[in-house]
Amino acid sequence: MTPPAAIRRGRGESGQATVELALALPLLAVLLLGLVQVGLVVRAHVLVGHAVREAARAAAVDADPGAAADAAAAAGGLDPDRVEVSTGGRAGPGSRVTVVVRYQVPTDVALIGRFVADLELTAEATMRVE
């Protein structure tokens, strides 16, 4: 007894769907990895903003030149080896101190990191010296 034509046709179509999935899956995986990398860069952007605010506050209340760098490192979440902090403008009480934080964001997500170089994020904050 031979199966009806509709059943035979269904088997062929399921094979076609499997082939289409096999062709589309690598593209979907690369898109997903790209989204993960973008998420990591956005996270680093937020953390750099937090670190520059903490560093500016520390530079405004402490005359020690290393206070800003210590505060930026203590802000958490960033690799201290990739953070660069510079301060300027601190004269005395009432003056303004400006802090700049630069961070090299690693792009090391599988597959994506090979095509995208590390990014540099920069944030600047100014506060009145107390």
C-alpha atoms as a PDB file:
ATOM      1  CA  MET A   1       0.000   0.000   0.000  1.00  0.00           C
ATOM      2  CA  THR A   2       1.468   3.329  -1.036  1.00  0.00           C
ATOM      3  CA  PRO A   3       0.997   6.468   1.059  1.00  0.00           C
ATOM      4  CA  PRO A   4      -1.108   9.293  -0.352  1.00  0.00           C
ATOM      5  CA  ALA A   5       0.625  12.021  -2.341  1.00  0.00           C
ATOM      6  CA  ALA A   6       0.031  14.624   0.404  1.00  0.00           C
ATOM      7  CA  ILE A   7       2.032  12.602   2.945  1.00  0.00           C
ATOM      8  CA  ARG A   8       4.895  12.089   0.509  1.00  0.00           C
ATOM      9  CA  ARG A   9       4.946  15.827  -0.268  1.00  0.00           C
ATOM     10  CA  GLY A  10       5.019  16.662   3.479  1.00  0.00           C
ATOM     11  CA  ARG A  11       8.202  14.674   4.010  1.00  0.00           C
ATOM     12  CA  GLY A  12       9.977  16.569   1.250  1.00  0.00           C
ATOM     13  CA  GLU A  13       8.894  19.929   2.671  1.00  0.00           C
ATOM     14  CA  SER A  14      10.174  19.073   6.134  1.00  0.00           C
ATOM     15  CA  GLY A  15      13.539  18.321   4.598  1.00  0.00           C
ATOM     16  CA  GLN A  16      13.487  21.707   2.889  1.00  0.00           C
ATOM     17  CA  ALA A  17      12.737  23.432   6.203  1.00  0.00           C
ATOM     18  CA  THR A  18      15.670  21.639   7.806  1.00  0.00           C
ATOM     19  CA  VAL A  19      18.016  22.818   5.068  1.00  0.00           C
ATOM     20  CA  GLU A  20      16.722  26.394   5.355  1.00  0.00           C
ATOM     21  CA  LEU A  21      17.238  26.319   9.142  1.00  0.00           C
ATOM     22  CA  ALA A  22      20.750  24.956   8.673  1.00  0.00           C
ATOM     23  CA  LEU A  23      21.540  27.828   6.288  1.00  0.00           C
ATOM     24  CA  ALA A  24      19.982  30.539   8.469  1.00  0.00           C
ATOM     25  CA  LEU A  25      21.293  29.367  11.857  1.00  0.00           C
ATOM     26  CA  PRO A  26      24.879  30.645  11.427  1.00  0.00           C
ATOM     27  CA  LEU A  27      23.589  34.090  10.441  1.00  0.00           C
ATOM     28  CA  LEU A  28      21.294  34.175  13.464  1.00  0.00           C
ATOM     29  CA  ALA A  29      24.189  33.128  15.714  1.00  0.00           C
ATOM     30  CA  VAL A  30      26.409  35.943  14.389  1.00  0.00           C
ATOM     31  CA  LEU A  31      23.589  38.470  14.887  1.00  0.00           C
ATOM     32  CA  LEU A  32      23.091  37.245  18.443  1.00  0.00           C
ATOM     33  CA  LEU A  33      26.813  37.524  19.198  1.00  0.00           C
ATOM     34  CA  GLY A  34      26.783  41.039  17.745  1.00  0.00           C
ATOM     35  CA  LEU A  35      23.958  41.989  20.092  1.00  0.00           C
ATOM     36  CA  VAL A  36      25.917  40.600  23.030  1.00  0.00           C
ATOM     37  CA  GLN A  37      28.944  42.722  22.032  1.00  0.00           C
ATOM     38  CA  VAL A  38      26.814  45.859  21.719  1.00  0.00           C
ATOM     39  CA  GLY A  39      25.358  45.130  25.163  1.00  0.00           C
ATOM     40  CA  LEU A  40      28.850  44.859  26.655  1.00  0.00           C
ATOM     41  CA  VAL A  41      29.893  48.184  25.097  1.00  0.00           C
ATOM     42  CA  VAL A  42      26.765  49.913  26.432  1.00  0.00           C
ATOM     43  CA  ARG A  43      27.457  48.452  29.883  1.00  0.00           C
ATOM     44  CA  ALA A  44      31.018  49.760  29.748  1.00  0.00           C
ATOM     45  CA  HIS A  45      29.703  53.193  28.676  1.00  0.00           C
ATOM     46  CA  VAL A  46      27.478  53.370  31.756  1.00  0.00           C
ATOM     47  CA  LEU A  47      30.321  52.207  34.022  1.00  0.00           C
ATOM     48  CA  VAL A  48      32.703  54.821  32.576  1.00  0.00           C
ATOM     49  CA  GLY A  49      30.123  57.530  33.301  1.00  0.00           C
ATOM     50  CA  HIS A  50      29.848  56.312  36.880  1.00  0.00           C
ATOM     51  CA  ALA A  51      33.638  56.127  37.260  1.00  0.00           C
ATOM     52  CA  VAL A  52      34.159  59.693  35.986  1.00  0.00           C
ATOM     53  CA  ARG A  53      31.578  61.052  38.447  1.00  0.00           C
ATOM     54  CA  GLU A  54      33.231  59.208  41.327  1.00  0.00           C
ATOM     55  CA  ALA A  55      36.674  60.425  40.234  1.00  0.00           C
ATOM     56  CA  ALA A  56      35.504  64.033  39.907  1.00  0.00           C
ATOM     57  CA  ARG A  57      33.969  63.916  43.382  1.00  0.00           C
ATOM     58  CA  ALA A  58      37.175  62.500  44.846  1.00  0.00           C
ATOM     59  CA  ALA A  59      39.285  65.134  43.074  1.00  0.00           C
ATOM     60  CA  ALA A  60      36.988  67.890  44.374  1.00  0.00           C
ATOM     61  CA  VAL A  61      37.303  66.893  48.031  1.00  0.00           C
ATOM     62  CA  ASP A  62      40.856  65.497  48.150  1.00  0.00           C
ATOM     63  CA  ALA A  63      43.998  67.359  47.112  1.00  0.00           C
ATOM     64  CA  ASP A  64      45.894  64.102  46.536  1.00  0.00           C
ATOM     65  CA  PRO A  65      46.570  63.755  42.770  1.00  0.00           C
ATOM     66  CA  GLY A  66      45.963  59.989  42.893  1.00  0.00           C
ATOM     67  CA  ALA A  67      42.567  60.274  44.598  1.00  0.00           C
ATOM     68  CA  ALA A  68      40.697  60.555  41.308  1.00  0.00           C
ATOM     69  CA  ALA A  69      42.387  57.476  39.825  1.00  0.00           C
ATOM     70  CA  ASP A  70      41.756  55.486  43.004  1.00  0.00           C
ATOM     71  CA  ALA A  71      38.077  56.479  43.009  1.00  0.00           C
ATOM     72  CA  ALA A  72      37.667  55.554  39.334  1.00  0.00           C
ATOM     73  CA  ALA A  73      39.248  52.156  39.974  1.00  0.00           C
ATOM     74  CA  ALA A  74      37.057  51.601  43.039  1.00  0.00           C
ATOM     75  CA  ALA A  75      33.884  52.438  41.101  1.00  0.00           C
ATOM     76  CA  GLY A  76      33.855  48.793  40.019  1.00  0.00           C
ATOM     77  CA  GLY A  77      33.084  46.865  36.873  1.00  0.00           C
ATOM     78  CA  LEU A  78      35.983  48.175  34.761  1.00  0.00           C
ATOM     79  CA  ASP A  79      39.338  46.512  34.201  1.00  0.00           C
ATOM     80  CA  PRO A  80      41.820  48.783  36.057  1.00  0.00           C
ATOM     81  CA  ASP A  81      44.548  48.016  33.509  1.00  0.00           C
ATOM     82  CA  ARG A  82      42.433  49.584  30.747  1.00  0.00           C
ATOM     83  CA  VAL A  83      41.409  52.753  32.630  1.00  0.00           C
ATOM     84  CA  GLU A  84      43.279  56.049  32.199  1.00  0.00           C
ATOM     85  CA  VAL A  85      42.374  59.010  34.445  1.00  0.00           C
ATOM     86  CA  SER A  86      43.588  62.588  34.019  1.00  0.00           C
ATOM     87  CA  THR A  87      42.717  65.641  36.115  1.00  0.00           C
ATOM     88  CA  GLY A  88      43.218  69.326  35.571  1.00  0.00           C
ATOM     89  CA  GLY A  89      42.228  72.766  36.755  1.00  0.00           C
ATOM     90  CA  ARG A  90      42.389  72.230  40.505  1.00  0.00           C
ATOM     91  CA  ALA A  91      43.696  75.445  42.076  1.00  0.00           C
ATOM     92  CA  GLY A  92      42.027  75.814  45.448  1.00  0.00           C
ATOM     93  CA  PRO A  93      38.636  75.978  47.126  1.00  0.00           C
ATOM     94  CA  GLY A  94      36.044  77.393  44.769  1.00  0.00           C
ATOM     95  CA  SER A  95      37.961  76.513  41.601  1.00  0.00           C
ATOM     96  CA  ARG A  96      36.814  73.792  39.233  1.00  0.00           C
ATOM     97  CA  VAL A  97      38.504  70.454  38.694  1.00  0.00           C
ATOM     98  CA  THR A  98      37.977  68.526  35.472  1.00  0.00           C
ATOM     99  CA  VAL A  99      38.454  64.770  35.282  1.00  0.00           C
ATOM    100  CA  VAL A 100      38.674  62.752  32.068  1.00  0.00           C
ATOM    101  CA  VAL A 101      38.363  58.959  32.109  1.00  0.00           C
ATOM    102  CA  ARG A 102      39.364  56.908  29.076  1.00  0.00           C
ATOM    103  CA  TYR A 103      38.619  53.207  28.878  1.00  0.00           C
ATOM    104  CA  GLN A 104      39.604  50.662  26.240  1.00  0.00           C
ATOM    105  CA  VAL A 105      36.605  48.367  25.805  1.00  0.00           C
ATOM    106  CA  PRO A 106      37.700  44.872  24.813  1.00  0.00           C
ATOM    107  CA  THR A 107      35.774  43.379  21.906  1.00  0.00           C
ATOM    108  CA  ASP A 108      36.451  39.751  22.667  1.00  0.00           C
ATOM    109  CA  VAL A 109      33.094  38.134  21.962  1.00  0.00           C
ATOM    110  CA  ALA A 110      33.593  35.047  19.817  1.00  0.00           C
ATOM    111  CA  LEU A 111      33.677  35.739  16.061  1.00  0.00           C
ATOM    112  CA  ILE A 112      32.812  39.431  16.494  1.00  0.00           C
ATOM    113  CA  GLY A 113      36.062  40.370  18.246  1.00  0.00           C
ATOM    114  CA  ARG A 114      38.080  39.343  15.198  1.00  0.00           C
ATOM    115  CA  PHE A 115      36.342  41.919  13.011  1.00  0.00           C
ATOM    116  CA  VAL A 116      35.958  44.821  15.450  1.00  0.00           C
ATOM    117  CA  ALA A 117      38.919  46.515  17.107  1.00  0.00           C
ATOM    118  CA  ASP A 118      38.853  47.504  20.780  1.00  0.00           C
ATOM    119  CA  LEU A 119      36.884  50.687  21.329  1.00  0.00           C
ATOM    120  CA  GLU A 120      37.891  53.700  23.422  1.00  0.00           C
ATOM    121  CA  LEU A 121      35.226  55.320  25.563  1.00  0.00           C
ATOM    122  CA  THR A 122      35.833  58.775  27.027  1.00  0.00           C
ATOM    123  CA  ALA A 123      33.877  60.635  29.688  1.00  0.00           C
ATOM    124  CA  GLU A 124      34.523  64.029  31.278  1.00  0.00           C
ATOM    125  CA  ALA A 125      33.152  65.603  34.455  1.00  0.00           C
ATOM    126  CA  THR A 126      33.768  68.949  36.140  1.00  0.00           C
ATOM    127  CA  MET A 127      33.123  69.742  39.805  1.00  0.00           C
ATOM    128  CA  ARG A 128      33.711  72.666  42.125  1.00  0.00           C
ATOM    129  CA  VAL A 129      36.569  72.129  44.574  1.00  0.00           C
ATOM    130  CA  GLU A 130      35.463  72.144  48.205  1.00  0.00           C
END
